[in-house]
Amino acid sequence: MYLFYAHARALPPPLNDTLFPESPIYCGPQFATVRQILGRGSDSLRLLELMQKMTCVFRAEGRPNTEALGYFHRQVSSFHSKLRASESSGQDHIYEAIRLTSRIYADALMGTMKFSQASAFSTQREEARPDYAASPTVLVNIVRHLMHTDLDRMWGGLSGILFWIVMVTGAAARRTQVKDLTEAADLVNERQEEEARRWLAAVAVRVSIILGFEHGGALLGTLQTMLHIQDKLSGRNVRKRVRQVAVGPERKVAPQNGFGDFAWEFLAEDK
């Protein structure tokens, strides 16, 4: 029912006359809130601006401009890790989470594929780096970086960015196929990935509750855009999954799930 509400509710375009939780999929014309916090010229801001431009191109009517998407995609690929083993700050981990999520997001929009499929490409690209620190998937790395940030305040003025990250990575955490787990290493990797899925869902629910109370309009606008993007990536129509009520003596009502089930359904793409 909430998905229907999110689709049907008309919202005015976001403006920068007030501060609100911005993200690449819901922001004002100048990205004022995020720019004020990250500072002009920061690599994190440059990545987020690229994601916002890719979102606009991808959401345009008709077929997306693949030439423009390819140009932005190449720019995203030029950003590299800045982590140093002994000198990593919270801001460094925020940048890493943004960078890795941007790789998944850019791959998905460029290839018109689900986030869960795009994450496999991002993982392969990260593993090819000479300074890559081995871990199961790029999703587990993102979770590890997020754990080194200020989650008590939900990133403060960057809470919209955090929400975008957990939505994208939560959808990317969807299993694309059943794995044949025979090796001990496979079992360890699968356990880490399952823990990452649960952790992402929990953070997504927490951020959505906080934003829902303080910035209901921005939260709704963010969800509307994400639903539209996932529609185009997978070719499905979210409205078809909404409860249908028949007029007359026969009335069909879809099963009602709890909030936890809704969070998992929203974050995990349909097969």
Protein backbone atom coordinates (compact mmCIF):
# COMPACT_ATOMS: atom_id res chain seq x y z
CA MET A 1 0.00 0.00 0.00
CA TYR A 2 2.88 2.35 0.78
CA LEU A 3 4.38 1.72 -2.67
CA PHE A 4 1.12 2.89 -4.24
CA TYR A 5 1.15 5.96 -2.01
CA ALA A 6 4.75 6.75 -2.93
CA HIS A 7 3.92 6.52 -6.63
CA ALA A 8 0.64 8.44 -6.49
CA ARG A 9 1.68 11.34 -4.26
CA ALA A 10 2.59 14.47 -6.25
CA LEU A 11 5.49 16.45 -4.81
CA PRO A 12 6.89 19.85 -5.81
CA PRO A 13 10.47 19.82 -7.15
CA PRO A 14 13.13 20.18 -4.43
CA LEU A 15 14.52 23.67 -3.90
CA ASN A 16 17.54 24.99 -2.04
CA ASP A 17 15.77 27.65 0.01
CA THR A 18 15.86 25.27 3.02
CA LEU A 19 18.30 22.55 4.07
CA PHE A 20 17.09 18.97 3.63
CA PRO A 21 18.68 15.51 3.22
CA GLU A 22 19.92 15.55 -0.36
CA SER A 23 21.14 12.60 -2.40
CA PRO A 24 22.02 11.98 -6.06
CA ILE A 25 18.40 10.95 -6.68
CA TYR A 26 16.73 13.82 -4.79
CA CYS A 27 18.44 17.19 -4.52
CA GLY A 28 18.03 20.88 -5.21
CA PRO A 29 19.45 22.66 -8.26
CA GLN A 30 22.71 23.55 -6.51
CA PHE A 31 23.24 20.50 -4.24
CA ALA A 32 23.50 23.17 -1.53
CA THR A 33 23.13 21.01 1.58
CA VAL A 34 25.74 18.46 0.53
CA ARG A 35 28.12 21.09 -0.86
CA GLN A 36 27.97 23.03 2.39
CA ILE A 37 29.07 19.97 4.37
CA LEU A 38 31.56 18.33 2.01
CA GLY A 39 33.03 21.52 0.61
CA ARG A 40 33.49 22.57 -2.99
CA GLY A 41 35.92 20.48 -5.00
CA SER A 42 35.94 17.43 -2.71
CA ASP A 43 36.08 14.09 -4.50
CA SER A 44 33.02 12.88 -2.59
CA LEU A 45 31.02 15.85 -3.88
CA ARG A 46 32.31 15.37 -7.43
CA LEU A 47 31.21 11.72 -7.36
CA LEU A 48 27.77 12.61 -6.04
CA GLU A 49 27.35 15.28 -8.72
CA LEU A 50 28.23 12.69 -11.37
CA MET A 51 25.63 10.32 -9.91
CA GLN A 52 23.04 13.10 -9.99
CA LYS A 53 23.80 13.83 -13.66
CA MET A 54 23.59 10.13 -14.56
CA THR A 55 20.25 9.93 -12.76
CA CYS A 56 18.84 12.85 -14.79
CA VAL A 57 20.03 11.33 -18.07
CA PHE A 58 18.72 7.86 -17.20
CA ARG A 59 15.29 9.12 -16.09
CA ALA A 60 14.71 11.18 -19.25
CA GLU A 61 11.75 10.19 -21.39
CA GLY A 62 12.44 7.52 -23.99
CA ARG A 63 15.73 5.69 -24.26
CA PRO A 64 18.60 7.13 -22.17
CA ASN A 65 21.44 8.90 -23.95
CA THR A 66 24.06 6.14 -23.87
CA GLU A 67 26.81 8.50 -25.03
CA ALA A 68 26.25 10.80 -22.05
CA LEU A 69 25.95 7.85 -19.66
CA GLY A 70 29.19 6.40 -21.02
CA TYR A 71 31.00 9.70 -20.51
CA PHE A 72 29.88 9.95 -16.88
CA HIS A 73 30.61 6.25 -16.32
CA ARG A 74 34.22 6.68 -17.45
CA GLN A 75 34.62 9.62 -15.07
CA VAL A 76 33.32 7.57 -12.16
CA SER A 77 35.82 4.82 -12.97
CA SER A 78 38.69 7.31 -12.67
CA PHE A 79 38.18 7.73 -8.91
CA HIS A 80 40.42 5.48 -6.80
CA SER A 81 40.77 4.52 -3.17
CA LYS A 82 42.51 6.94 -0.81
CA LEU A 83 42.66 4.71 2.24
CA ARG A 84 45.93 4.41 4.11
CA ALA A 85 46.32 1.58 6.58
CA SER A 86 47.48 3.81 9.43
CA GLU A 87 45.81 7.14 8.63
CA SER A 88 42.17 6.43 7.76
CA SER A 89 39.61 8.90 9.08
CA GLY A 90 35.83 8.79 9.15
CA GLN A 91 35.75 11.07 6.09
CA ASP A 92 38.00 8.62 4.23
CA HIS A 93 35.54 5.81 4.93
CA ILE A 94 32.61 8.01 3.84
CA TYR A 95 34.43 8.66 0.56
CA GLU A 96 35.10 4.94 0.08
CA ALA A 97 31.44 4.06 0.70
CA ILE A 98 30.35 6.73 -1.79
CA ARG A 99 32.96 5.63 -4.35
CA LEU A 100 32.08 1.93 -4.24
CA THR A 101 28.33 2.59 -4.27
CA SER A 102 28.81 4.94 -7.21
CA ARG A 103 30.55 2.13 -9.13
CA ILE A 104 27.54 -0.16 -8.63
CA TYR A 105 25.06 2.60 -9.46
CA ALA A 106 26.95 3.73 -12.58
CA ASP A 107 27.34 0.15 -13.85
CA ALA A 108 23.62 -0.49 -13.37
CA LEU A 109 22.51 2.65 -15.21
CA MET A 110 25.08 2.24 -17.98
CA GLY A 111 24.18 -1.40 -18.62
CA THR A 112 20.47 -1.11 -17.74
CA MET A 113 20.84 -4.00 -15.33
CA LYS A 114 19.68 -4.67 -11.80
CA PHE A 115 21.86 -3.47 -8.96
CA SER A 116 22.44 -7.09 -7.93
CA GLN A 117 23.92 -7.81 -11.36
CA ALA A 118 25.94 -4.59 -11.45
CA SER A 119 27.57 -5.38 -8.11
CA ALA A 120 29.27 -8.42 -9.67
CA PHE A 121 31.00 -6.16 -12.23
CA SER A 122 32.04 -3.73 -9.51
CA THR A 123 33.49 -6.57 -7.43
CA GLN A 124 35.54 -7.84 -10.38
CA ARG A 125 36.87 -4.35 -11.07
CA GLU A 126 37.91 -3.83 -7.45
CA GLU A 127 39.65 -7.21 -7.35
CA ALA A 128 41.70 -6.21 -10.39
CA ARG A 129 43.28 -3.29 -8.53
CA PRO A 130 46.89 -3.94 -7.43
CA ASP A 131 46.23 -2.49 -3.96
CA TYR A 132 42.98 -4.41 -3.46
CA ALA A 133 42.52 -5.87 0.03
CA ALA A 134 40.82 -9.23 -0.38
CA SER A 135 37.21 -9.55 0.78
CA PRO A 136 34.20 -11.51 -0.54
CA THR A 137 32.36 -8.77 -2.42
CA VAL A 138 32.29 -5.03 -2.86
CA LEU A 139 29.10 -5.03 -0.73
CA VAL A 140 30.95 -6.38 2.29
CA ASN A 141 33.60 -3.72 1.79
CA ILE A 142 30.93 -1.00 1.72
CA VAL A 143 29.44 -2.28 4.97
CA ARG A 144 32.88 -2.32 6.58
CA HIS A 145 33.47 1.29 5.56
CA LEU A 146 30.05 2.35 6.84
CA MET A 147 30.81 0.77 10.22
CA HIS A 148 33.76 3.16 10.57
CA THR A 149 31.52 6.23 10.18
CA ASP A 150 29.28 8.16 12.58
CA LEU A 151 26.14 6.04 12.39
CA ASP A 152 24.91 7.27 15.78
CA ARG A 153 23.90 10.54 14.08
CA MET A 154 23.10 8.82 10.76
CA TRP A 155 25.74 11.06 9.10
CA GLY A 156 23.96 14.23 10.24
CA GLY A 157 23.40 16.52 7.26
CA LEU A 158 24.50 13.74 4.91
CA SER A 159 21.74 11.36 6.01
CA GLY A 160 20.22 11.50 2.53
CA ILE A 161 23.50 10.23 1.09
CA LEU A 162 23.60 7.43 3.64
CA PHE A 163 20.02 6.46 2.74
CA TRP A 164 20.91 6.35 -0.96
CA ILE A 165 23.93 4.15 -0.22
CA VAL A 166 21.99 1.60 1.84
CA MET A 167 19.15 1.51 -0.73
CA VAL A 168 21.52 0.83 -3.63
CA THR A 169 23.71 -1.66 -1.77
CA GLY A 170 20.68 -3.32 -0.17
CA ALA A 171 19.20 -3.92 -3.62
CA ALA A 172 22.62 -5.06 -4.87
CA ALA A 173 22.80 -7.58 -2.02
CA ARG A 174 19.97 -9.59 -3.55
CA ARG A 175 21.15 -13.10 -4.45
CA THR A 176 21.25 -13.49 -8.23
CA GLN A 177 21.63 -17.27 -8.15
CA VAL A 178 21.77 -20.22 -5.77
CA LYS A 179 25.37 -20.98 -4.87
CA ASP A 180 26.86 -24.43 -4.46
CA LEU A 181 28.77 -24.00 -1.21
CA THR A 182 31.36 -26.74 -0.98
CA GLU A 183 34.55 -25.04 0.20
CA ALA A 184 35.13 -23.63 3.68
CA ALA A 185 36.02 -20.26 2.15
CA ASP A 186 32.69 -20.21 0.32
CA LEU A 187 30.85 -20.79 3.58
CA VAL A 188 32.72 -17.95 5.26
CA ASN A 189 32.02 -15.61 2.35
CA GLU A 190 28.34 -16.51 2.32
CA ARG A 191 28.06 -15.87 6.06
CA GLN A 192 29.71 -12.47 5.67
CA GLU A 193 27.39 -11.55 2.80
CA GLU A 194 24.31 -12.63 4.77
CA GLU A 195 25.41 -10.52 7.74
CA ALA A 196 25.94 -7.57 5.38
CA ARG A 197 22.41 -7.99 3.96
CA ARG A 198 20.83 -7.96 7.41
CA TRP A 199 22.95 -5.03 8.55
CA LEU A 200 22.04 -2.95 5.48
CA ALA A 201 18.33 -3.65 5.96
CA ALA A 202 18.52 -2.58 9.61
CA VAL A 203 20.31 0.68 8.78
CA ALA A 204 17.88 1.42 5.93
CA VAL A 205 14.89 1.00 8.25
CA ARG A 206 16.48 3.20 10.92
CA VAL A 207 17.40 5.99 8.49
CA SER A 208 13.95 5.91 6.87
CA ILE A 209 12.24 6.25 10.25
CA ILE A 210 14.41 9.21 11.25
CA LEU A 211 13.97 10.95 7.90
CA GLY A 212 10.26 10.17 7.87
CA PHE A 213 9.71 12.15 11.08
CA GLU A 214 11.99 15.06 10.24
CA HIS A 215 11.85 15.29 6.43
CA GLY A 216 8.82 13.35 5.21
CA GLY A 217 8.67 15.10 1.84
CA ALA A 218 12.33 14.49 1.04
CA LEU A 219 12.01 10.83 2.07
CA LEU A 220 8.99 10.35 -0.15
CA GLY A 221 10.68 12.08 -3.09
CA THR A 222 13.75 9.87 -2.66
CA LEU A 223 11.62 6.71 -2.63
CA GLN A 224 9.67 7.83 -5.69
CA THR A 225 12.85 8.33 -7.68
CA MET A 226 14.37 5.02 -6.56
CA LEU A 227 11.20 3.15 -7.49
CA HIS A 228 11.21 4.78 -10.93
CA ILE A 229 14.88 3.87 -11.46
CA GLN A 230 14.34 0.26 -10.42
CA ASP A 231 11.31 0.10 -12.74
CA LYS A 232 13.49 1.10 -15.70
CA LEU A 233 16.36 -1.17 -14.70
CA SER A 234 14.21 -4.30 -14.35
CA GLY A 235 11.34 -3.50 -16.71
CA ARG A 236 8.73 -4.12 -14.03
CA ASN A 237 5.79 -1.94 -13.07
CA VAL A 238 5.59 -1.35 -9.33
CA ARG A 239 1.91 -0.51 -9.59
CA LYS A 240 1.20 -4.12 -10.56
CA ARG A 241 2.54 -5.28 -7.20
CA VAL A 242 0.25 -2.99 -5.23
CA ARG A 243 -2.85 -4.40 -3.54
CA GLN A 244 -5.81 -4.61 -5.94
CA VAL A 245 -9.32 -4.06 -4.62
CA ALA A 246 -12.25 -5.25 -6.73
CA VAL A 247 -15.60 -3.47 -6.69
CA GLY A 248 -18.50 -5.85 -5.96
CA PRO A 249 -19.15 -8.89 -3.81
CA GLU A 250 -15.78 -10.52 -4.56
CA ARG A 251 -12.85 -8.72 -3.05
CA LYS A 252 -9.25 -9.82 -3.41
CA VAL A 253 -6.76 -8.47 -0.94
CA ALA A 254 -3.04 -9.15 -1.09
CA PRO A 255 -1.32 -10.45 2.06
CA GLN A 256 -0.25 -7.68 4.41
CA ASN A 257 3.35 -7.85 5.56
CA GLY A 258 5.02 -6.23 8.53
CA PHE A 259 7.40 -3.27 8.30
CA GLY A 260 10.41 -5.56 8.37
CA ASP A 261 9.07 -7.53 5.42
CA PHE A 262 8.42 -4.29 3.55
CA ALA A 263 12.01 -3.17 4.15
CA TRP A 264 13.41 -6.43 2.77
CA GLU A 265 11.05 -6.34 -0.22
CA PHE A 266 11.93 -2.75 -1.07
CA LEU A 267 15.68 -3.22 -0.74
CA ALA A 268 15.78 -6.55 -2.57
CA GLU A 269 14.88 -6.45 -6.25
CA ASP A 270 12.35 -8.87 -7.63
CA LYS A 271 13.67 -11.80 -9.55
